Amino acid sequence: MYTLLRALADSWALVALFLIFLGIIAWAFRPGSQKLHEEIANTPFRNDELED
């Protein structure tokens, strides 16, 4: 039983984690998400006042 679980953890768990990683990357770079990322990146500057 230990050998079977070890084999599953070594192979299929690695494949599953890699697929999850690829899914997260694809979700972050999906079309249409650029506006959201720009808004989040500019959050610290939202309340700044322009000084002349």
PDB file of N, CA and C in Angstrom:
ATOM      1  N   MET A   1       0.826  -1.190   0.000  1.00  0.00           N
ATOM      2  CA  MET A   1       0.000   0.000   0.000  1.00  0.00           C
ATOM      3  C   MET A   1       0.877   1.264   0.000  1.00  0.00           C
ATOM      4  N   TYR A   2       1.943   1.249   0.778  1.00  0.00           N
ATOM      5  CA  TYR A   2       2.834   2.405   0.831  1.00  0.00           C
ATOM      6  C   TYR A   2       3.467   2.667  -0.524  1.00  0.00           C
ATOM      7  N   THR A   3       3.857   1.623  -1.221  1.00  0.00           N
ATOM      8  CA  THR A   3       4.490   1.779  -2.529  1.00  0.00           C
ATOM      9  C   THR A   3       3.520   2.408  -3.526  1.00  0.00           C
ATOM     10  N   LEU A   4       2.275   1.993  -3.498  1.00  0.00           N
ATOM     11  CA  LEU A   4       1.262   2.561  -4.387  1.00  0.00           C
ATOM     12  C   LEU A   4       1.041   4.042  -4.081  1.00  0.00           C
ATOM     13  N   LEU A   5       0.901   4.376  -2.814  1.00  0.00           N
ATOM     14  CA  LEU A   5       0.700   5.775  -2.437  1.00  0.00           C
ATOM     15  C   LEU A   5       1.913   6.620  -2.781  1.00  0.00           C
ATOM     16  N   ARG A   6       3.082   6.062  -2.611  1.00  0.00           N
ATOM     17  CA  ARG A   6       4.314   6.775  -2.945  1.00  0.00           C
ATOM     18  C   ARG A   6       4.402   7.034  -4.451  1.00  0.00           C
ATOM     19  N   ALA A   7       4.025   6.057  -5.235  1.00  0.00           N
ATOM     20  CA  ALA A   7       4.043   6.206  -6.694  1.00  0.00           C
ATOM     21  C   ALA A   7       3.028   7.256  -7.136  1.00  0.00           C
ATOM     22  N   LEU A   8       1.860   7.275  -6.527  1.00  0.00           N
ATOM     23  CA  LEU A   8       0.849   8.290  -6.857  1.00  0.00           C
ATOM     24  C   LEU A   8       1.337   9.679  -6.487  1.00  0.00           C
ATOM     25  N   ALA A   9       1.949   9.803  -5.345  1.00  0.00           N
ATOM     26  CA  ALA A   9       2.446  11.102  -4.901  1.00  0.00           C
ATOM     27  C   ALA A   9       3.587  11.581  -5.789  1.00  0.00           C
ATOM     28  N   ASP A  10       4.427  10.687  -6.241  1.00  0.00           N
ATOM     29  CA  ASP A  10       5.567  11.066  -7.079  1.00  0.00           C
ATOM     30  C   ASP A  10       5.153  11.459  -8.483  1.00  0.00           C
ATOM     31  N   SER A  11       4.114  10.848  -9.013  1.00  0.00           N
ATOM     32  CA  SER A  11       3.778  11.107 -10.408  1.00  0.00           C
ATOM     33  C   SER A  11       2.510  11.947 -10.557  1.00  0.00           C
ATOM     34  N   TRP A  12       1.387  11.436 -10.112  1.00  0.00           N
ATOM     35  CA  TRP A  12       0.112  12.109 -10.367  1.00  0.00           C
ATOM     36  C   TRP A  12      -0.058  13.387  -9.568  1.00  0.00           C
ATOM     37  N   ALA A  13       0.463  13.437  -8.371  1.00  0.00           N
ATOM     38  CA  ALA A  13       0.381  14.671  -7.593  1.00  0.00           C
ATOM     39  C   ALA A  13       1.218  15.765  -8.251  1.00  0.00           C
ATOM     40  N   LEU A  14       2.362  15.388  -8.779  1.00  0.00           N
ATOM     41  CA  LEU A  14       3.199  16.349  -9.489  1.00  0.00           C
ATOM     42  C   LEU A  14       2.486  16.871 -10.731  1.00  0.00           C
ATOM     43  N   VAL A  15       1.852  16.001 -11.466  1.00  0.00           N
ATOM     44  CA  VAL A  15       1.105  16.407 -12.655  1.00  0.00           C
ATOM     45  C   VAL A  15      -0.049  17.327 -12.264  1.00  0.00           C
ATOM     46  N   ALA A  16      -0.769  16.986 -11.212  1.00  0.00           N
ATOM     47  CA  ALA A  16      -1.897  17.806 -10.772  1.00  0.00           C
ATOM     48  C   ALA A  16      -1.436  19.195 -10.331  1.00  0.00           C
ATOM     49  N   LEU A  17      -0.365  19.276  -9.566  1.00  0.00           N
ATOM     50  CA  LEU A  17       0.143  20.572  -9.132  1.00  0.00           C
ATOM     51  C   LEU A  17       0.649  21.402 -10.304  1.00  0.00           C
ATOM     52  N   PHE A  18       1.254  20.763 -11.283  1.00  0.00           N
ATOM     53  CA  PHE A  18       1.721  21.473 -12.467  1.00  0.00           C
ATOM     54  C   PHE A  18       0.537  22.013 -13.265  1.00  0.00           C
ATOM     55  N   LEU A  19      -0.528  21.242 -13.394  1.00  0.00           N
ATOM     56  CA  LEU A  19      -1.720  21.712 -14.097  1.00  0.00           C
ATOM     57  C   LEU A  19      -2.390  22.866 -13.360  1.00  0.00           C
ATOM     58  N   ILE A  20      -2.409  22.808 -12.044  1.00  0.00           N
ATOM     59  CA  ILE A  20      -2.947  23.923 -11.257  1.00  0.00           C
ATOM     60  C   ILE A  20      -2.098  25.163 -11.479  1.00  0.00           C
ATOM     61  N   PHE A  21      -0.796  25.014 -11.486  1.00  0.00           N
ATOM     62  CA  PHE A  21       0.105  26.130 -11.732  1.00  0.00           C
ATOM     63  C   PHE A  21      -0.151  26.749 -13.108  1.00  0.00           C
ATOM     64  N   LEU A  22      -0.274  25.918 -14.131  1.00  0.00           N
ATOM     65  CA  LEU A  22      -0.556  26.425 -15.471  1.00  0.00           C
ATOM     66  C   LEU A  22      -1.907  27.123 -15.536  1.00  0.00           C
ATOM     67  N   GLY A  23      -2.884  26.615 -14.810  1.00  0.00           N
ATOM     68  CA  GLY A  23      -4.201  27.252 -14.763  1.00  0.00           C
ATOM     69  C   GLY A  23      -4.141  28.629 -14.130  1.00  0.00           C
ATOM     70  N   ILE A  24      -3.376  28.781 -13.081  1.00  0.00           N
ATOM     71  CA  ILE A  24      -3.231  30.084 -12.427  1.00  0.00           C
ATOM     72  C   ILE A  24      -2.534  31.068 -13.347  1.00  0.00           C
ATOM     73  N   ILE A  25      -1.506  30.622 -14.038  1.00  0.00           N
ATOM     74  CA  ILE A  25      -0.804  31.488 -14.978  1.00  0.00           C
ATOM     75  C   ILE A  25      -1.735  31.901 -16.115  1.00  0.00           C
ATOM     76  N   ALA A  26      -2.484  30.957 -16.664  1.00  0.00           N
ATOM     77  CA  ALA A  26      -3.420  31.276 -17.749  1.00  0.00           C
ATOM     78  C   ALA A  26      -4.490  32.245 -17.267  1.00  0.00           C
ATOM     79  N   TRP A  27      -4.965  32.086 -16.028  1.00  0.00           N
ATOM     80  CA  TRP A  27      -5.990  32.976 -15.492  1.00  0.00           C
ATOM     81  C   TRP A  27      -5.440  34.394 -15.313  1.00  0.00           C
ATOM     82  N   ALA A  28      -4.195  34.514 -14.894  1.00  0.00           N
ATOM     83  CA  ALA A  28      -3.602  35.837 -14.681  1.00  0.00           C
ATOM     84  C   ALA A  28      -3.378  36.575 -15.995  1.00  0.00           C
ATOM     85  N   PHE A  29      -3.067  35.848 -17.060  1.00  0.00           N
ATOM     86  CA  PHE A  29      -2.774  36.475 -18.352  1.00  0.00           C
ATOM     87  C   PHE A  29      -3.929  36.348 -19.337  1.00  0.00           C
ATOM     88  N   ARG A  30      -5.137  36.103 -18.844  1.00  0.00           N
ATOM     89  CA  ARG A  30      -6.280  35.950 -19.741  1.00  0.00           C
ATOM     90  C   ARG A  30      -6.597  37.277 -20.424  1.00  0.00           C
ATOM     91  N   PRO A  31      -7.196  37.214 -21.612  1.00  0.00           N
ATOM     92  CA  PRO A  31      -7.558  38.445 -22.309  1.00  0.00           C
ATOM     93  C   PRO A  31      -8.575  39.248 -21.501  1.00  0.00           C
ATOM     94  N   GLY A  32      -8.409  40.527 -21.471  1.00  0.00           N
ATOM     95  CA  GLY A  32      -9.352  41.386 -20.767  1.00  0.00           C
ATOM     96  C   GLY A  32      -9.000  41.665 -19.322  1.00  0.00           C
ATOM     97  N   SER A  33      -7.940  41.089 -18.816  1.00  0.00           N
ATOM     98  CA  SER A  33      -7.603  41.304 -17.414  1.00  0.00           C
ATOM     99  C   SER A  33      -6.609  42.446 -17.224  1.00  0.00           C
ATOM    100  N   GLN A  34      -6.137  43.034 -18.310  1.00  0.00           N
ATOM    101  CA  GLN A  34      -5.126  44.090 -18.207  1.00  0.00           C
ATOM    102  C   GLN A  34      -5.664  45.301 -17.441  1.00  0.00           C
ATOM    103  N   LYS A  35      -6.917  45.693 -17.680  1.00  0.00           N
ATOM    104  CA  LYS A  35      -7.492  46.847 -16.986  1.00  0.00           C
ATOM    105  C   LYS A  35      -7.536  46.600 -15.478  1.00  0.00           C
ATOM    106  N   LEU A  36      -7.917  45.412 -15.090  1.00  0.00           N
ATOM    107  CA  LEU A  36      -7.970  45.068 -13.671  1.00  0.00           C
ATOM    108  C   LEU A  36      -6.585  45.133 -13.041  1.00  0.00           C
ATOM    109  N   HIS A  37      -5.580  44.603 -13.724  1.00  0.00           N
ATOM    110  CA  HIS A  37      -4.219  44.612 -13.191  1.00  0.00           C
ATOM    111  C   HIS A  37      -3.673  46.042 -13.095  1.00  0.00           C
ATOM    112  N   GLU A  38      -3.998  46.888 -14.069  1.00  0.00           N
ATOM    113  CA  GLU A  38      -3.554  48.280 -14.012  1.00  0.00           C
ATOM    114  C   GLU A  38      -4.216  49.015 -12.851  1.00  0.00           C
ATOM    115  N   GLU A  39      -5.496  48.750 -12.629  1.00  0.00           N
ATOM    116  CA  GLU A  39      -6.206  49.389 -11.514  1.00  0.00           C
ATOM    117  C   GLU A  39      -5.603  48.969 -10.173  1.00  0.00           C
ATOM    118  N   ILE A  40      -5.307  47.710 -10.031  1.00  0.00           N
ATOM    119  CA  ILE A  40      -4.709  47.220  -8.788  1.00  0.00           C
ATOM    120  C   ILE A  40      -3.306  47.795  -8.606  1.00  0.00           C
ATOM    121  N   ALA A  41      -2.545  47.900  -9.684  1.00  0.00           N
ATOM    122  CA  ALA A  41      -1.185  48.431  -9.596  1.00  0.00           C
ATOM    123  C   ALA A  41      -1.177  49.899  -9.195  1.00  0.00           C
ATOM    124  N   ASN A  42      -2.222  50.646  -9.549  1.00  0.00           N
ATOM    125  CA  ASN A  42      -2.286  52.070  -9.243  1.00  0.00           C
ATOM    126  C   ASN A  42      -3.021  52.379  -7.939  1.00  0.00           C
ATOM    127  N   THR A  43      -3.414  51.376  -7.194  1.00  0.00           N
ATOM    128  CA  THR A  43      -4.137  51.574  -5.945  1.00  0.00           C
ATOM    129  C   THR A  43      -3.384  52.466  -4.943  1.00  0.00           C
ATOM    130  N   PRO A  44      -2.074  52.312  -4.767  1.00  0.00           N
ATOM    131  CA  PRO A  44      -1.386  53.180  -3.798  1.00  0.00           C
ATOM    132  C   PRO A  44      -1.431  54.661  -4.168  1.00  0.00           C
ATOM    133  N   PHE A  45      -1.641  54.974  -5.423  1.00  0.00           N
ATOM    134  CA  PHE A  45      -1.631  56.358  -5.878  1.00  0.00           C
ATOM    135  C   PHE A  45      -3.027  56.947  -6.031  1.00  0.00           C
ATOM    136  N   ARG A  46      -4.046  56.212  -5.620  1.00  0.00           N
ATOM    137  CA  ARG A  46      -5.431  56.617  -5.849  1.00  0.00           C
ATOM    138  C   ARG A  46      -5.773  57.933  -5.165  1.00  0.00           C
ATOM    139  N   ASN A  47      -5.271  58.180  -3.972  1.00  0.00           N
ATOM    140  CA  ASN A  47      -5.641  59.361  -3.201  1.00  0.00           C
ATOM    141  C   ASN A  47      -4.585  60.455  -3.228  1.00  0.00           C
ATOM    142  N   ASP A  48      -3.611  60.333  -4.091  1.00  0.00           N
ATOM    143  CA  ASP A  48      -2.587  61.385  -4.215  1.00  0.00           C
ATOM    144  C   ASP A  48      -3.158  62.614  -4.896  1.00  0.00           C
ATOM    145  N   GLU A  49      -2.785  63.756  -4.377  1.00  0.00           N
ATOM    146  CA  GLU A  49      -3.185  65.009  -4.993  1.00  0.00           C
ATOM    147  C   GLU A  49      -2.026  65.543  -5.828  1.00  0.00           C
ATOM    148  N   LEU A  50      -2.353  66.106  -6.958  1.00  0.00           N
ATOM    149  CA  LEU A  50      -1.318  66.683  -7.806  1.00  0.00           C
ATOM    150  C   LEU A  50      -0.877  68.024  -7.228  1.00  0.00           C
ATOM    151  N   GLU A  51       0.428  68.194  -7.120  1.00  0.00           N
ATOM    152  CA  GLU A  51       0.974  69.450  -6.612  1.00  0.00           C
ATOM    153  C   GLU A  51       1.547  70.215  -7.768  1.00  0.00           C
ATOM    154  N   ASP A  52       1.199  71.487  -7.874  1.00  0.00           N
ATOM    155  CA  ASP A  52       1.711  72.322  -8.959  1.00  0.00           C
ATOM    156  C   ASP A  52       2.936  73.078  -8.553  1.00  0.00           C
TER     157      ASP A  52
END
